[in-house]
């Protein structure tokens, strides 16, 4: 589940609460189900944002080689920062 799932749950809950006016005979309270879905959507959305922000990674690659012309040892370092929100 991700951000899209949280938004979808919230929208479905809002439709049940505010747009539908169906009489189910007292067995099912669509307003309560809608509010529960809206709350679940907000929780899923926030949890997805927290996991996305924590998923920052830094990748470091060191390469060592010998320069054929001078015989010196050469080290090249590559740093890549994978930030999803940047």
PDB file of N, CA and C in Angstrom:
ATOM      1  N   UNK A   1       0.855  -1.171   0.000  1.00  0.00           N
ATOM      2  CA  UNK A   1       0.000   0.000   0.000  1.00  0.00           C
ATOM      3  C   UNK A   1       0.895   1.225   0.000  1.00  0.00           C
ATOM      4  N   UNK A   2       0.457   2.229  -0.682  1.00  0.00           N
ATOM      5  CA  UNK A   2       1.271   3.421  -0.772  1.00  0.00           C
ATOM      6  C   UNK A   2       0.440   4.679  -0.659  1.00  0.00           C
ATOM      7  N   UNK A   3       1.004   5.737  -1.179  1.00  0.00           N
ATOM      8  CA  UNK A   3       0.331   7.032  -1.114  1.00  0.00           C
ATOM      9  C   UNK A   3      -0.975   6.988  -1.901  1.00  0.00           C
ATOM     10  N   UNK A   4      -0.938   6.355  -3.069  1.00  0.00           N
ATOM     11  CA  UNK A   4      -2.143   6.252  -3.890  1.00  0.00           C
ATOM     12  C   UNK A   4      -3.256   5.465  -3.212  1.00  0.00           C
ATOM     13  N   UNK A   5      -2.875   4.427  -2.494  1.00  0.00           N
ATOM     14  CA  UNK A   5      -3.876   3.635  -1.771  1.00  0.00           C
ATOM     15  C   UNK A   5      -4.522   4.452  -0.654  1.00  0.00           C
ATOM     16  N   UNK A   6      -3.718   5.239   0.041  1.00  0.00           N
ATOM     17  CA  UNK A   6      -4.263   6.098   1.103  1.00  0.00           C
ATOM     18  C   UNK A   6      -5.231   7.124   0.555  1.00  0.00           C
ATOM     19  N   UNK A   7      -4.865   7.726  -0.574  1.00  0.00           N
ATOM     20  CA  UNK A   7      -5.753   8.712  -1.200  1.00  0.00           C
ATOM     21  C   UNK A   7      -7.032   8.034  -1.673  1.00  0.00           C
ATOM     22  N   UNK A   8      -6.908   6.838  -2.260  1.00  0.00           N
ATOM     23  CA  UNK A   8      -8.092   6.121  -2.746  1.00  0.00           C
ATOM     24  C   UNK A   8      -9.039   5.761  -1.594  1.00  0.00           C
ATOM     25  N   UNK A   9      -8.488   5.290  -0.477  1.00  0.00           N
ATOM     26  CA  UNK A   9      -9.337   4.976   0.677  1.00  0.00           C
ATOM     27  C   UNK A   9     -10.052   6.223   1.189  1.00  0.00           C
ATOM     28  N   UNK A  10      -9.333   7.327   1.244  1.00  0.00           N
ATOM     29  CA  UNK A  10      -9.934   8.569   1.721  1.00  0.00           C
ATOM     30  C   UNK A  10     -11.064   9.021   0.787  1.00  0.00           C
ATOM     31  N   UNK A  11     -10.846   8.937  -0.515  1.00  0.00           N
ATOM     32  CA  UNK A  11     -11.867   9.364  -1.479  1.00  0.00           C
ATOM     33  C   UNK A  11     -13.090   8.457  -1.415  1.00  0.00           C
ATOM     34  N   UNK A  12     -12.881   7.150  -1.328  1.00  0.00           N
ATOM     35  CA  UNK A  12     -14.026   6.232  -1.235  1.00  0.00           C
ATOM     36  C   UNK A  12     -14.817   6.498   0.043  1.00  0.00           C
ATOM     37  N   UNK A  13     -14.108   6.737   1.144  1.00  0.00           N
ATOM     38  CA  UNK A  13     -14.794   7.058   2.395  1.00  0.00           C
ATOM     39  C   UNK A  13     -15.570   8.355   2.304  1.00  0.00           C
ATOM     40  N   UNK A  14     -14.992   9.376   1.662  1.00  0.00           N
ATOM     41  CA  UNK A  14     -15.691  10.655   1.506  1.00  0.00           C
ATOM     42  C   UNK A  14     -16.941  10.500   0.637  1.00  0.00           C
ATOM     43  N   UNK A  15     -16.850   9.664  -0.381  1.00  0.00           N
ATOM     44  CA  UNK A  15     -18.033   9.422  -1.222  1.00  0.00           C
ATOM     45  C   UNK A  15     -19.128   8.742  -0.406  1.00  0.00           C
ATOM     46  N   UNK A  16     -18.759   7.763   0.418  1.00  0.00           N
ATOM     47  CA  UNK A  16     -19.758   7.083   1.245  1.00  0.00           C
ATOM     48  C   UNK A  16     -20.407   8.034   2.246  1.00  0.00           C
ATOM     49  N   UNK A  17     -19.626   8.956   2.802  1.00  0.00           N
ATOM     50  CA  UNK A  17     -20.160   9.854   3.822  1.00  0.00           C
ATOM     51  C   UNK A  17     -20.985  10.973   3.204  1.00  0.00           C
ATOM     52  N   UNK A  18     -20.431  11.641   2.206  1.00  0.00           N
ATOM     53  CA  UNK A  18     -21.039  12.890   1.742  1.00  0.00           C
ATOM     54  C   UNK A  18     -21.895  12.763   0.484  1.00  0.00           C
ATOM     55  N   UNK A  19     -21.644  11.761  -0.360  1.00  0.00           N
ATOM     56  CA  UNK A  19     -22.345  11.722  -1.640  1.00  0.00           C
ATOM     57  C   UNK A  19     -23.496  10.723  -1.675  1.00  0.00           C
ATOM     58  N   UNK A  20     -23.385   9.631  -0.960  1.00  0.00           N
ATOM     59  CA  UNK A  20     -24.419   8.603  -1.030  1.00  0.00           C
ATOM     60  C   UNK A  20     -25.426   8.774   0.105  1.00  0.00           C
ATOM     61  N   UNK A  21     -26.668   8.591  -0.249  1.00  0.00           N
ATOM     62  CA  UNK A  21     -27.746   8.632   0.730  1.00  0.00           C
ATOM     63  C   UNK A  21     -28.653   7.434   0.478  1.00  0.00           C
ATOM     64  N   UNK A  22     -28.168   6.258   0.843  1.00  0.00           N
ATOM     65  CA  UNK A  22     -28.874   5.007   0.584  1.00  0.00           C
ATOM     66  C   UNK A  22     -29.382   4.446   1.902  1.00  0.00           C
ATOM     67  N   UNK A  23     -30.650   4.028   1.917  1.00  0.00           N
ATOM     68  CA  UNK A  23     -31.229   3.412   3.110  1.00  0.00           C
ATOM     69  C   UNK A  23     -30.964   1.909   3.054  1.00  0.00           C
ATOM     70  N   UNK A  24     -30.186   1.410   3.999  1.00  0.00           N
ATOM     71  CA  UNK A  24     -29.847  -0.016   4.022  1.00  0.00           C
ATOM     72  C   UNK A  24     -30.713  -0.785   5.009  1.00  0.00           C
ATOM     73  N   UNK A  25     -31.719  -0.178   5.535  1.00  0.00           N
ATOM     74  CA  UNK A  25     -32.617  -0.856   6.463  1.00  0.00           C
ATOM     75  C   UNK A  25     -32.078  -0.921   7.879  1.00  0.00           C
ATOM     76  N   UNK A  26     -31.087  -0.160   8.200  1.00  0.00           N
ATOM     77  CA  UNK A  26     -30.553  -0.127   9.553  1.00  0.00           C
ATOM     78  C   UNK A  26     -29.495  -1.175   9.843  1.00  0.00           C
ATOM     79  N   UNK A  27     -29.173  -2.003   8.866  1.00  0.00           N
ATOM     80  CA  UNK A  27     -28.175  -3.042   9.102  1.00  0.00           C
ATOM     81  C   UNK A  27     -26.750  -2.519   8.956  1.00  0.00           C
ATOM     82  N   UNK A  28     -26.554  -1.599   8.027  1.00  0.00           N
ATOM     83  CA  UNK A  28     -25.215  -1.087   7.736  1.00  0.00           C
ATOM     84  C   UNK A  28     -25.260   0.430   7.794  1.00  0.00           C
ATOM     85  N   UNK A  29     -24.374   1.018   8.554  1.00  0.00           N
ATOM     86  CA  UNK A  29     -24.274   2.472   8.629  1.00  0.00           C
ATOM     87  C   UNK A  29     -23.163   2.920   7.680  1.00  0.00           C
ATOM     88  N   UNK A  30     -23.549   3.390   6.486  1.00  0.00           N
ATOM     89  CA  UNK A  30     -22.575   3.780   5.478  1.00  0.00           C
ATOM     90  C   UNK A  30     -21.751   4.995   5.906  1.00  0.00           C
ATOM     91  N   UNK A  31     -22.336   5.866   6.719  1.00  0.00           N
ATOM     92  CA  UNK A  31     -21.572   7.018   7.200  1.00  0.00           C
ATOM     93  C   UNK A  31     -20.410   6.565   8.083  1.00  0.00           C
ATOM     94  N   UNK A  32     -20.668   5.619   8.976  1.00  0.00           N
ATOM     95  CA  UNK A  32     -19.610   5.120   9.856  1.00  0.00           C
ATOM     96  C   UNK A  32     -18.521   4.418   9.048  1.00  0.00           C
ATOM     97  N   UNK A  33     -18.908   3.608   8.074  1.00  0.00           N
ATOM     98  CA  UNK A  33     -17.922   2.940   7.215  1.00  0.00           C
ATOM     99  C   UNK A  33     -17.109   3.969   6.447  1.00  0.00           C
ATOM    100  N   UNK A  34     -17.766   5.020   5.991  1.00  0.00           N
ATOM    101  CA  UNK A  34     -17.059   6.084   5.271  1.00  0.00           C
ATOM    102  C   UNK A  34     -16.049   6.789   6.149  1.00  0.00           C
ATOM    103  N   UNK A  35     -16.429   7.098   7.382  1.00  0.00           N
ATOM    104  CA  UNK A  35     -15.482   7.748   8.299  1.00  0.00           C
ATOM    105  C   UNK A  35     -14.311   6.830   8.638  1.00  0.00           C
ATOM    106  N   UNK A  36     -14.584   5.541   8.788  1.00  0.00           N
ATOM    107  CA  UNK A  36     -13.507   4.581   9.055  1.00  0.00           C
ATOM    108  C   UNK A  36     -12.549   4.522   7.868  1.00  0.00           C
ATOM    109  N   UNK A  37     -13.090   4.479   6.650  1.00  0.00           N
ATOM    110  CA  UNK A  37     -12.237   4.451   5.459  1.00  0.00           C
ATOM    111  C   UNK A  37     -11.429   5.739   5.320  1.00  0.00           C
ATOM    112  N   UNK A  38     -12.037   6.874   5.651  1.00  0.00           N
ATOM    113  CA  UNK A  38     -11.301   8.139   5.585  1.00  0.00           C
ATOM    114  C   UNK A  38     -10.155   8.151   6.592  1.00  0.00           C
ATOM    115  N   UNK A  39     -10.401   7.666   7.797  1.00  0.00           N
ATOM    116  CA  UNK A  39      -9.339   7.592   8.800  1.00  0.00           C
ATOM    117  C   UNK A  39      -8.235   6.635   8.389  1.00  0.00           C
ATOM    118  N   UNK A  40      -8.614   5.485   7.845  1.00  0.00           N
ATOM    119  CA  UNK A  40      -7.617   4.520   7.385  1.00  0.00           C
ATOM    120  C   UNK A  40      -6.796   5.098   6.236  1.00  0.00           C
ATOM    121  N   UNK A  41      -7.448   5.859   5.361  1.00  0.00           N
ATOM    122  CA  UNK A  41      -6.733   6.489   4.258  1.00  0.00           C
ATOM    123  C   UNK A  41      -5.693   7.482   4.738  1.00  0.00           C
ATOM    124  N   UNK A  42      -6.040   8.272   5.745  1.00  0.00           N
ATOM    125  CA  UNK A  42      -5.088   9.234   6.301  1.00  0.00           C
ATOM    126  C   UNK A  42      -3.919   8.505   6.951  1.00  0.00           C
ATOM    127  N   UNK A  43      -4.195   7.431   7.685  1.00  0.00           N
ATOM    128  CA  UNK A  43      -3.134   6.676   8.351  1.00  0.00           C
ATOM    129  C   UNK A  43      -2.194   6.047   7.318  1.00  0.00           C
ATOM    130  N   UNK A  44      -2.746   5.430   6.279  1.00  0.00           N
ATOM    131  CA  UNK A  44      -1.924   4.807   5.238  1.00  0.00           C
ATOM    132  C   UNK A  44      -1.088   5.858   4.520  1.00  0.00           C
ATOM    133  N   UNK A  45      -1.682   7.017   4.233  1.00  0.00           N
ATOM    134  CA  UNK A  45      -0.963   8.096   3.563  1.00  0.00           C
ATOM    135  C   UNK A  45       0.220   8.564   4.408  1.00  0.00           C
ATOM    136  N   UNK A  46      -0.005   8.789   5.697  1.00  0.00           N
ATOM    137  CA  UNK A  46       1.072   9.265   6.574  1.00  0.00           C
ATOM    138  C   UNK A  46       2.172   8.220   6.753  1.00  0.00           C
ATOM    139  N   UNK A  47       1.795   6.959   6.908  1.00  0.00           N
ATOM    140  CA  UNK A  47       2.800   5.898   7.049  1.00  0.00           C
ATOM    141  C   UNK A  47       3.629   5.782   5.773  1.00  0.00           C
ATOM    142  N   UNK A  48       2.990   5.897   4.621  1.00  0.00           N
ATOM    143  CA  UNK A  48       3.723   5.835   3.357  1.00  0.00           C
ATOM    144  C   UNK A  48       4.704   6.989   3.233  1.00  0.00           C
ATOM    145  N   UNK A  49       4.297   8.187   3.648  1.00  0.00           N
ATOM    146  CA  UNK A  49       5.212   9.330   3.611  1.00  0.00           C
ATOM    147  C   UNK A  49       6.398   9.122   4.535  1.00  0.00           C
ATOM    148  N   UNK A  50       6.148   8.585   5.719  1.00  0.00           N
ATOM    149  CA  UNK A  50       7.236   8.354   6.673  1.00  0.00           C
ATOM    150  C   UNK A  50       8.221   7.338   6.104  1.00  0.00           C
ATOM    151  N   UNK A  51       7.731   6.233   5.537  1.00  0.00           N
ATOM    152  CA  UNK A  51       8.632   5.239   4.968  1.00  0.00           C
ATOM    153  C   UNK A  51       9.389   5.781   3.768  1.00  0.00           C
ATOM    154  N   UNK A  52       8.748   6.616   2.981  1.00  0.00           N
ATOM    155  CA  UNK A  52       9.412   7.184   1.824  1.00  0.00           C
ATOM    156  C   UNK A  52      10.538   8.133   2.249  1.00  0.00           C
ATOM    157  N   UNK A  53      10.307   8.901   3.298  1.00  0.00           N
ATOM    158  CA  UNK A  53      11.322   9.832   3.757  1.00  0.00           C
ATOM    159  C   UNK A  53      12.482   9.101   4.444  1.00  0.00           C
ATOM    160  N   UNK A  54      12.223   7.947   5.041  1.00  0.00           N
ATOM    161  CA  UNK A  54      13.279   7.179   5.702  1.00  0.00           C
ATOM    162  C   UNK A  54      14.088   6.367   4.711  1.00  0.00           C
ATOM    163  N   UNK A  55      13.645   6.249   3.489  1.00  0.00           N
ATOM    164  CA  UNK A  55      14.267   5.384   2.499  1.00  0.00           C
ATOM    165  C   UNK A  55      15.411   6.079   1.764  1.00  0.00           C
ATOM    166  N   UNK A  56      16.088   6.991   2.396  1.00  0.00           N
ATOM    167  CA  UNK A  56      17.222   7.669   1.773  1.00  0.00           C
ATOM    168  C   UNK A  56      18.433   6.758   1.846  1.00  0.00           C
ATOM    169  N   UNK A  57      19.118   6.652   0.718  1.00  0.00           N
ATOM    170  CA  UNK A  57      20.297   5.794   0.652  1.00  0.00           C
ATOM    171  C   UNK A  57      21.448   6.575   0.035  1.00  0.00           C
ATOM    172  N   UNK A  58      22.630   6.271   0.482  1.00  0.00           N
ATOM    173  CA  UNK A  58      23.829   6.809  -0.117  1.00  0.00           C
ATOM    174  C   UNK A  58      24.673   5.642  -0.597  1.00  0.00           C
ATOM    175  N   UNK A  59      25.044   5.673  -1.847  1.00  0.00           N
ATOM    176  CA  UNK A  59      25.806   4.600  -2.445  1.00  0.00           C
ATOM    177  C   UNK A  59      27.210   5.123  -2.744  1.00  0.00           C
ATOM    178  N   UNK A  60      28.218   4.446  -2.218  1.00  0.00           N
ATOM    179  CA  UNK A  60      29.604   4.850  -2.424  1.00  0.00           C
ATOM    180  C   UNK A  60      30.346   3.725  -3.131  1.00  0.00           C
ATOM    181  N   UNK A  61      31.049   4.073  -4.215  1.00  0.00           N
ATOM    182  CA  UNK A  61      31.818   3.093  -4.977  1.00  0.00           C
ATOM    183  C   UNK A  61      33.254   3.583  -5.044  1.00  0.00           C
ATOM    184  N   UNK A  62      34.204   2.740  -4.613  1.00  0.00           N
ATOM    185  CA  UNK A  62      35.634   3.041  -4.705  1.00  0.00           C
ATOM    186  C   UNK A  62      36.250   2.139  -5.765  1.00  0.00           C
ATOM    187  N   UNK A  63      36.986   2.751  -6.697  1.00  0.00           N
ATOM    188  CA  UNK A  63      37.687   1.993  -7.724  1.00  0.00           C
ATOM    189  C   UNK A  63      39.177   2.319  -7.625  1.00  0.00           C
ATOM    190  N   UNK A  64      39.979   1.305  -7.569  1.00  0.00           N
ATOM    191  CA  UNK A  64      41.423   1.492  -7.488  1.00  0.00           C
ATOM    192  C   UNK A  64      42.069   0.828  -8.700  1.00  0.00           C
ATOM    193  N   UNK A  65      42.940   1.563  -9.360  1.00  0.00           N
ATOM    194  CA  UNK A  65      43.637   1.040 -10.526  1.00  0.00           C
ATOM    195  C   UNK A  65      45.056   1.602 -10.536  1.00  0.00           C
ATOM    196  N   UNK A  66      45.875   1.020 -11.370  1.00  0.00           N
ATOM    197  CA  UNK A  66      47.256   1.484 -11.526  1.00  0.00           C
ATOM    198  C   UNK A  66      47.355   2.204 -12.859  1.00  0.00           C
ATOM    199  N   UNK A  67      47.870   3.441 -12.811  1.00  0.00           N
ATOM    200  CA  UNK A  67      48.055   4.234 -14.029  1.00  0.00           C
ATOM    201  C   UNK A  67      49.208   3.623 -14.825  1.00  0.00           C
ATOM    202  N   UNK A  68      48.948   3.195 -16.085  1.00  0.00           N
ATOM    203  CA  UNK A  68      50.016   2.523 -16.846  1.00  0.00           C
ATOM    204  C   UNK A  68      51.171   3.452 -17.215  1.00  0.00           C
ATOM    205  N   UNK A  69      50.915   4.744 -17.317  1.00  0.00           N
ATOM    206  CA  UNK A  69      51.978   5.663 -17.725  1.00  0.00           C
ATOM    207  C   UNK A  69      52.953   5.949 -16.588  1.00  0.00           C
ATOM    208  N   UNK A  70      52.452   6.155 -15.389  1.00  0.00           N
ATOM    209  CA  UNK A  70      53.313   6.542 -14.273  1.00  0.00           C
ATOM    210  C   UNK A  70      53.518   5.424 -13.264  1.00  0.00           C
ATOM    211  N   UNK A  71      52.682   4.422 -13.268  1.00  0.00           N
ATOM    212  CA  UNK A  71      52.778   3.345 -12.301  1.00  0.00           C
ATOM    213  C   UNK A  71      52.186   3.691 -10.946  1.00  0.00           C
ATOM    214  N   UNK A  72      51.514   4.827 -10.853  1.00  0.00           N
ATOM    215  CA  UNK A  72      50.907   5.241  -9.585  1.00  0.00           C
ATOM    216  C   UNK A  72      49.555   4.566  -9.396  1.00  0.00           C
ATOM    217  N   UNK A  73      49.209   4.430  -8.164  1.00  0.00           N
ATOM    218  CA  UNK A  73      47.913   3.875  -7.814  1.00  0.00           C
ATOM    219  C   UNK A  73      46.902   5.017  -7.805  1.00  0.00           C
ATOM    220  N   UNK A  74      45.773   4.838  -8.499  1.00  0.00           N
ATOM    221  CA  UNK A  74      44.740   5.859  -8.612  1.00  0.00           C
ATOM    222  C   UNK A  74      43.449   5.316  -8.015  1.00  0.00           C
ATOM    223  N   UNK A  75      42.841   6.098  -7.120  1.00  0.00           N
ATOM    224  CA  UNK A  75      41.574   5.714  -6.502  1.00  0.00           C
ATOM    225  C   UNK A  75      40.509   6.727  -6.899  1.00  0.00           C
ATOM    226  N   UNK A  76      39.421   6.221  -7.401  1.00  0.00           N
ATOM    227  CA  UNK A  76      38.298   7.075  -7.793  1.00  0.00           C
ATOM    228  C   UNK A  76      37.102   6.715  -6.924  1.00  0.00           C
ATOM    229  N   UNK A  77      36.491   7.723  -6.323  1.00  0.00           N
ATOM    230  CA  UNK A  77      35.347   7.507  -5.450  1.00  0.00           C
ATOM    231  C   UNK A  77      34.120   8.179  -6.077  1.00  0.00           C
ATOM    232  N   UNK A  78      33.033   7.410  -6.194  1.00  0.00           N
ATOM    233  CA  UNK A  78      31.756   7.919  -6.700  1.00  0.00           C
ATOM    234  C   UNK A  78      30.736   7.835  -5.582  1.00  0.00           C
ATOM    235  N   UNK A  79      30.077   8.942  -5.307  1.00  0.00           N
ATOM    236  CA  UNK A  79      29.049   8.985  -4.273  1.00  0.00           C
ATOM    237  C   UNK A  79      27.737   9.386  -4.942  1.00  0.00           C
ATOM    238  N   UNK A  80      26.723   8.566  -4.752  1.00  0.00           N
ATOM    239  CA  UNK A  80      25.411   8.853  -5.308  1.00  0.00           C
ATOM    240  C   UNK A  80      24.401   8.876  -4.164  1.00  0.00           C
ATOM    241  N   UNK A  81      23.663   9.958  -4.057  1.00  0.00           N
ATOM    242  CA  UNK A  81      22.667  10.105  -2.990  1.00  0.00           C
ATOM    243  C   UNK A  81      21.290   9.946  -3.620  1.00  0.00           C
ATOM    244  N   UNK A  82      20.593   8.877  -3.259  1.00  0.00           N
ATOM    245  CA  UNK A  82      19.265   8.592  -3.810  1.00  0.00           C
ATOM    246  C   UNK A  82      18.196   9.127  -2.872  1.00  0.00           C
ATOM    247  N   UNK A  83      17.775  10.352  -3.079  1.00  0.00           N
ATOM    248  CA  UNK A  83      16.711  10.916  -2.280  1.00  0.00           C
ATOM    249  C   UNK A  83      15.424  10.924  -3.091  1.00  0.00           C
ATOM    250  N   UNK A  84      14.367  10.257  -2.630  1.00  0.00           N
ATOM    251  CA  UNK A  84      13.140  10.168  -3.423  1.00  0.00           C
ATOM    252  C   UNK A  84      12.387  11.489  -3.539  1.00  0.00           C
ATOM    253  N   UNK A  85      12.538  12.399  -2.581  1.00  0.00           N
ATOM    254  CA  UNK A  85      11.760  13.637  -2.630  1.00  0.00           C
ATOM    255  C   UNK A  85      12.558  14.813  -3.179  1.00  0.00           C
ATOM    256  N   UNK A  86      13.796  14.614  -3.548  1.00  0.00           N
ATOM    257  CA  UNK A  86      14.629  15.715  -4.021  1.00  0.00           C
ATOM    258  C   UNK A  86      14.513  15.889  -5.518  1.00  0.00           C
TER     259      UNK A  86
END
